[in-house]
Amino acid sequence: MRQLISQRKGIKLRQLHPGSDLVGEFGFEALDMVDIILEVESRFRLTIPDELPLRTPADFVAYLHRQLPPGAGTLPSP
């Protein structure tokens, strides 16, 4: 997940941690978050509800672990 965010938003991977607050620490705006959400939805073929509070790479990974069935493939690490 960190690598996906790093590549999509040009953040150095070493600066991005599982608990990094994307809005607070990196100034992500709503459009930035939508971009990441759309990428995750596309890669994992699922829909993420708009009201879900996703602010950190770890939030995304926790959501994916809850949604994807066991053996669905390789889950990202935070």
N, C-alpha and C. Protein backbone atom coordinates (compact mmCIF):
# COMPACT_ATOMS: atom_id res chain seq x y z
N MET A 1 0.83 -1.19 0.00
CA MET A 1 0.00 0.00 0.00
C MET A 1 0.88 1.25 0.00
N ARG A 2 1.93 1.25 0.81
CA ARG A 2 2.83 2.40 0.84
C ARG A 2 3.44 2.62 -0.54
N GLN A 3 3.81 1.54 -1.20
CA GLN A 3 4.42 1.67 -2.52
C GLN A 3 3.42 2.24 -3.52
N LEU A 4 2.19 1.80 -3.48
CA LEU A 4 1.15 2.32 -4.37
C LEU A 4 0.99 3.82 -4.15
N ILE A 5 0.88 4.23 -2.90
CA ILE A 5 0.71 5.66 -2.58
C ILE A 5 1.95 6.45 -3.00
N SER A 6 3.10 5.89 -2.73
CA SER A 6 4.36 6.54 -3.09
C SER A 6 4.44 6.79 -4.59
N GLN A 7 4.13 5.77 -5.36
CA GLN A 7 4.19 5.89 -6.82
C GLN A 7 3.14 6.84 -7.37
N ARG A 8 1.92 6.75 -6.86
CA ARG A 8 0.83 7.58 -7.38
C ARG A 8 0.97 9.05 -7.02
N LYS A 9 1.57 9.32 -5.84
CA LYS A 9 1.59 10.70 -5.35
C LYS A 9 2.99 11.29 -5.22
N GLY A 10 4.01 10.54 -5.63
CA GLY A 10 5.36 11.08 -5.64
C GLY A 10 5.94 11.35 -4.25
N ILE A 11 5.58 10.52 -3.28
CA ILE A 11 6.12 10.65 -1.94
C ILE A 11 7.23 9.61 -1.81
N LYS A 12 8.35 10.01 -1.23
CA LYS A 12 9.44 9.06 -1.03
C LYS A 12 8.98 7.97 -0.07
N LEU A 13 9.24 6.73 -0.44
CA LEU A 13 8.78 5.59 0.34
C LEU A 13 9.28 5.65 1.78
N ARG A 14 10.50 6.12 1.98
CA ARG A 14 11.05 6.16 3.34
C ARG A 14 10.33 7.18 4.23
N GLN A 15 9.61 8.11 3.64
CA GLN A 15 8.85 9.10 4.41
C GLN A 15 7.45 8.61 4.77
N LEU A 16 7.01 7.58 4.10
CA LEU A 16 5.64 7.09 4.24
C LEU A 16 5.64 5.83 5.11
N HIS A 17 4.94 5.90 6.23
CA HIS A 17 4.87 4.80 7.18
C HIS A 17 3.45 4.26 7.25
N PRO A 18 3.25 3.04 7.75
CA PRO A 18 1.89 2.50 7.82
C PRO A 18 0.90 3.42 8.54
N GLY A 19 1.35 4.11 9.57
CA GLY A 19 0.46 4.99 10.33
C GLY A 19 0.47 6.43 9.89
N SER A 20 1.14 6.74 8.77
CA SER A 20 1.20 8.12 8.29
C SER A 20 -0.19 8.65 7.96
N ASP A 21 -0.53 9.80 8.51
CA ASP A 21 -1.81 10.46 8.22
C ASP A 21 -1.65 11.19 6.89
N LEU A 22 -2.27 10.65 5.85
CA LEU A 22 -2.08 11.20 4.51
C LEU A 22 -2.58 12.64 4.39
N VAL A 23 -3.62 12.96 5.11
CA VAL A 23 -4.17 14.32 5.08
C VAL A 23 -3.32 15.25 5.94
N GLY A 24 -3.10 14.85 7.18
CA GLY A 24 -2.39 15.69 8.14
C GLY A 24 -0.91 15.85 7.85
N GLU A 25 -0.23 14.78 7.48
CA GLU A 25 1.21 14.83 7.27
C GLU A 25 1.62 15.23 5.85
N PHE A 26 0.83 14.83 4.88
CA PHE A 26 1.22 15.06 3.49
C PHE A 26 0.30 16.02 2.75
N GLY A 27 -0.72 16.52 3.42
CA GLY A 27 -1.60 17.51 2.82
C GLY A 27 -2.50 16.99 1.72
N PHE A 28 -2.79 15.68 1.75
CA PHE A 28 -3.70 15.13 0.74
C PHE A 28 -5.05 15.83 0.85
N GLU A 29 -5.60 16.15 -0.28
CA GLU A 29 -6.95 16.71 -0.35
C GLU A 29 -7.91 15.61 -0.77
N ALA A 30 -9.17 15.92 -0.81
CA ALA A 30 -10.20 14.93 -1.15
C ALA A 30 -9.89 14.25 -2.49
N LEU A 31 -9.46 15.01 -3.47
CA LEU A 31 -9.17 14.45 -4.79
C LEU A 31 -8.00 13.47 -4.73
N ASP A 32 -7.00 13.76 -3.91
CA ASP A 32 -5.88 12.84 -3.74
C ASP A 32 -6.35 11.51 -3.14
N MET A 33 -7.22 11.59 -2.15
CA MET A 33 -7.73 10.38 -1.51
C MET A 33 -8.60 9.58 -2.48
N VAL A 34 -9.40 10.29 -3.28
CA VAL A 34 -10.22 9.61 -4.27
C VAL A 34 -9.33 8.88 -5.28
N ASP A 35 -8.25 9.49 -5.68
CA ASP A 35 -7.31 8.87 -6.62
C ASP A 35 -6.78 7.55 -6.04
N ILE A 36 -6.38 7.56 -4.80
CA ILE A 36 -5.86 6.34 -4.16
C ILE A 36 -6.98 5.30 -4.03
N ILE A 37 -8.15 5.73 -3.60
CA ILE A 37 -9.28 4.81 -3.46
C ILE A 37 -9.63 4.16 -4.79
N LEU A 38 -9.69 4.93 -5.86
CA LEU A 38 -10.01 4.38 -7.18
C LEU A 38 -8.96 3.37 -7.62
N GLU A 39 -7.71 3.64 -7.34
CA GLU A 39 -6.64 2.69 -7.69
C GLU A 39 -6.80 1.38 -6.92
N VAL A 40 -7.09 1.48 -5.63
CA VAL A 40 -7.29 0.28 -4.81
C VAL A 40 -8.51 -0.50 -5.30
N GLU A 41 -9.60 0.21 -5.57
CA GLU A 41 -10.80 -0.46 -6.07
C GLU A 41 -10.53 -1.19 -7.37
N SER A 42 -9.79 -0.57 -8.25
CA SER A 42 -9.46 -1.17 -9.53
C SER A 42 -8.58 -2.40 -9.36
N ARG A 43 -7.55 -2.28 -8.56
CA ARG A 43 -6.62 -3.41 -8.37
C ARG A 43 -7.25 -4.61 -7.69
N PHE A 44 -8.16 -4.36 -6.75
CA PHE A 44 -8.73 -5.45 -5.97
C PHE A 44 -10.18 -5.74 -6.32
N ARG A 45 -10.71 -5.06 -7.33
CA ARG A 45 -12.07 -5.29 -7.82
C ARG A 45 -13.10 -5.28 -6.70
N LEU A 46 -13.12 -4.17 -5.99
CA LEU A 46 -14.11 -3.98 -4.94
C LEU A 46 -14.51 -2.52 -4.89
N THR A 47 -15.53 -2.23 -4.11
CA THR A 47 -16.00 -0.87 -3.94
C THR A 47 -15.80 -0.46 -2.49
N ILE A 48 -15.17 0.68 -2.30
CA ILE A 48 -14.93 1.21 -0.97
C ILE A 48 -16.00 2.27 -0.69
N PRO A 49 -16.77 2.10 0.38
CA PRO A 49 -17.82 3.09 0.69
C PRO A 49 -17.24 4.48 0.93
N ASP A 50 -17.96 5.50 0.48
CA ASP A 50 -17.51 6.89 0.61
C ASP A 50 -17.32 7.30 2.08
N GLU A 51 -18.12 6.77 2.95
CA GLU A 51 -18.08 7.20 4.35
C GLU A 51 -16.99 6.50 5.17
N LEU A 52 -16.27 5.59 4.55
CA LEU A 52 -15.22 4.87 5.28
C LEU A 52 -14.06 5.80 5.60
N PRO A 53 -13.66 5.88 6.87
CA PRO A 53 -12.56 6.78 7.25
C PRO A 53 -11.19 6.17 6.96
N LEU A 54 -10.66 6.44 5.79
CA LEU A 54 -9.33 5.96 5.40
C LEU A 54 -8.37 7.13 5.39
N ARG A 55 -7.41 7.12 6.31
CA ARG A 55 -6.47 8.24 6.40
C ARG A 55 -5.02 7.80 6.36
N THR A 56 -4.78 6.49 6.58
CA THR A 56 -3.41 6.00 6.63
C THR A 56 -3.28 4.77 5.72
N PRO A 57 -2.06 4.43 5.32
CA PRO A 57 -1.88 3.19 4.56
C PRO A 57 -2.40 1.98 5.35
N ALA A 58 -2.20 1.97 6.65
CA ALA A 58 -2.69 0.87 7.48
C ALA A 58 -4.21 0.77 7.46
N ASP A 59 -4.92 1.90 7.36
CA ASP A 59 -6.38 1.88 7.26
C ASP A 59 -6.82 1.13 5.99
N PHE A 60 -6.15 1.41 4.88
CA PHE A 60 -6.48 0.74 3.62
C PHE A 60 -6.24 -0.76 3.74
N VAL A 61 -5.11 -1.15 4.30
CA VAL A 61 -4.78 -2.57 4.41
C VAL A 61 -5.77 -3.28 5.34
N ALA A 62 -6.12 -2.66 6.45
CA ALA A 62 -7.09 -3.27 7.37
C ALA A 62 -8.43 -3.48 6.67
N TYR A 63 -8.86 -2.51 5.88
CA TYR A 63 -10.12 -2.65 5.15
C TYR A 63 -10.04 -3.81 4.16
N LEU A 64 -8.93 -3.88 3.42
CA LEU A 64 -8.77 -4.97 2.46
C LEU A 64 -8.77 -6.33 3.15
N HIS A 65 -8.14 -6.45 4.28
CA HIS A 65 -8.13 -7.71 5.01
C HIS A 65 -9.54 -8.12 5.42
N ARG A 66 -10.38 -7.15 5.74
CA ARG A 66 -11.76 -7.46 6.13
C ARG A 66 -12.63 -7.83 4.93
N GLN A 67 -12.31 -7.32 3.75
CA GLN A 67 -13.17 -7.49 2.59
C GLN A 67 -12.81 -8.67 1.70
N LEU A 68 -11.54 -8.95 1.56
CA LEU A 68 -11.12 -9.98 0.63
C LEU A 68 -11.12 -11.34 1.30
N PRO A 69 -11.64 -12.33 0.59
CA PRO A 69 -11.68 -13.68 1.17
C PRO A 69 -10.26 -14.25 1.28
N PRO A 70 -10.05 -15.17 2.23
CA PRO A 70 -8.74 -15.81 2.34
C PRO A 70 -8.37 -16.48 1.01
N GLY A 71 -7.13 -16.38 0.64
CA GLY A 71 -6.66 -16.97 -0.61
C GLY A 71 -7.01 -16.17 -1.84
N ALA A 72 -7.45 -14.92 -1.67
CA ALA A 72 -7.85 -14.09 -2.81
C ALA A 72 -6.66 -13.53 -3.55
N GLY A 73 -5.49 -13.83 -3.10
CA GLY A 73 -4.30 -13.27 -3.75
C GLY A 73 -3.45 -12.56 -2.72
N THR A 74 -2.46 -11.92 -3.21
CA THR A 74 -1.53 -11.23 -2.33
C THR A 74 -2.12 -9.90 -1.87
N LEU A 75 -2.26 -9.75 -0.59
CA LEU A 75 -2.72 -8.49 -0.02
C LEU A 75 -1.51 -7.58 0.14
N PRO A 76 -1.72 -6.28 0.01
CA PRO A 76 -0.59 -5.37 0.20
C PRO A 76 -0.20 -5.28 1.66
N SER A 77 1.03 -4.96 1.88
CA SER A 77 1.45 -4.66 3.25
C SER A 77 1.26 -3.17 3.45
N PRO A 78 1.09 -2.75 4.71
CA PRO A 78 0.88 -1.32 4.94
C PRO A 78 2.06 -0.55 4.42
